[in-house]
Amino acid sequence: MHVFELTRCLIEIESITENEKKVALFLKDYLAQLNYRVTLQEAAPSRFNVLALAGQPELVFSTHIDTVPPYIPFREDEQYLYGRGACDAKGILAAQVEAAQRLRAAGETRFGLLFVVGEERNSAGALYANKNPLGSKFLVDGEPTENKLAIGSKGSLRAEIIARGKAAHSAYPEMGESAILKLLDLLEEVRQMKFDPDPLLGETTCNIGILEGGTKANIIPDRARAEIMFRSVVPLERIKTRLEAIAAGRAEICYAFEVPIVLMNVVDGFDTTVVSFTSDVPFLTHWGQPYLLGPGSILHAHTDHERISKKQLLEGVDLYVRLANKVLTN
């Protein structure tokens, strides 16, 4: 298939996180038809990574096959391919497969393809794969970096904060204690947390992504919760220490998932960037020195207009080939 056609086929298979099986089976059959040695890794029940080898891999191309919800059907125009996963990361996957085919046509077989589940939630596929490395020296991970080599990425910390109060009739608020008001006060202090910026990575930011509590307007709420996410340029333990000091005696904190700051490799002749998002790179440490590169813009990922430029997709194929040749040669 042409890279555009493969992107379309992948987008047309819904693979929201935890529902990746159909796209994994499609890739298994497709890559086997291209004469790769293909195996499925069951990272979780009915959730499979796809590993395809041309020879003994010194370099491995990798990206993820899961997407965020909701599913968005495929469409295209002269400039773009649209749909859920177009740039995050099914177009990237198609570009890696096309690059692999070009490398093989030129006689290069020292590479593999690793497509994993769960990157959008907890990197379950990468964590599983990291327990079963193949001895590769280099990892080229695919995320939408606008075809620039990412030299660094911020860390992330996802936390749940739960405040508890005392229920009462809303006509007599003095008889209760509003968990929502307690949580709102606490979150305002969280919003005011400041950390020193990093000269390369920039500022630490915090998003309050979920806020919920209470049952009815005429009841003082006895429970409220928030889910927040930091994109950090400082060690995550520093954020935890500040959070716990703010919440002490006022709320409970549960840390759902965390990703450390990562610095990555660069190659002469490639444009570079720094990204605020995270990837599977920190969880594939046994697969070689990391490079992060891919067509598409992160500003279009996770949106209702997700898309990838056809021009950039073709350029991405060329860049993957050039990067692999440079890394393997040197």
Foldseek 3Di string as FASTA:
>chain_A
DPLVVQLQVLLQDAAAAPRQLVSQVVCQVVLVVVVWDWDWDCLDVSFTKIKTAQDQAQEEEEEESHFHDDWFHWDDDPWWIWTTCQVRPSSQLSLLVLLQVVCVVVPDGRYMYIYFGDFVHALSRLLRVLVPERQHAEYEYEHAPQFFKEQKEFKKWKKKKKFFKAKDFQVCCVVIGARLVLVVVLVVVVQVDADDADPAQGGKHKDFDDKDFDDDPGMRTGMIMTMMMIRHPDFVVVVVVVSCVSCVVGIDMDIDHIGHMDGADDDPPGHYGHYSDDGSVRSNVSHHGYIYGYFDDPVLGPDNGRITTPVSSVVRSVSSNVVVCVVVVD
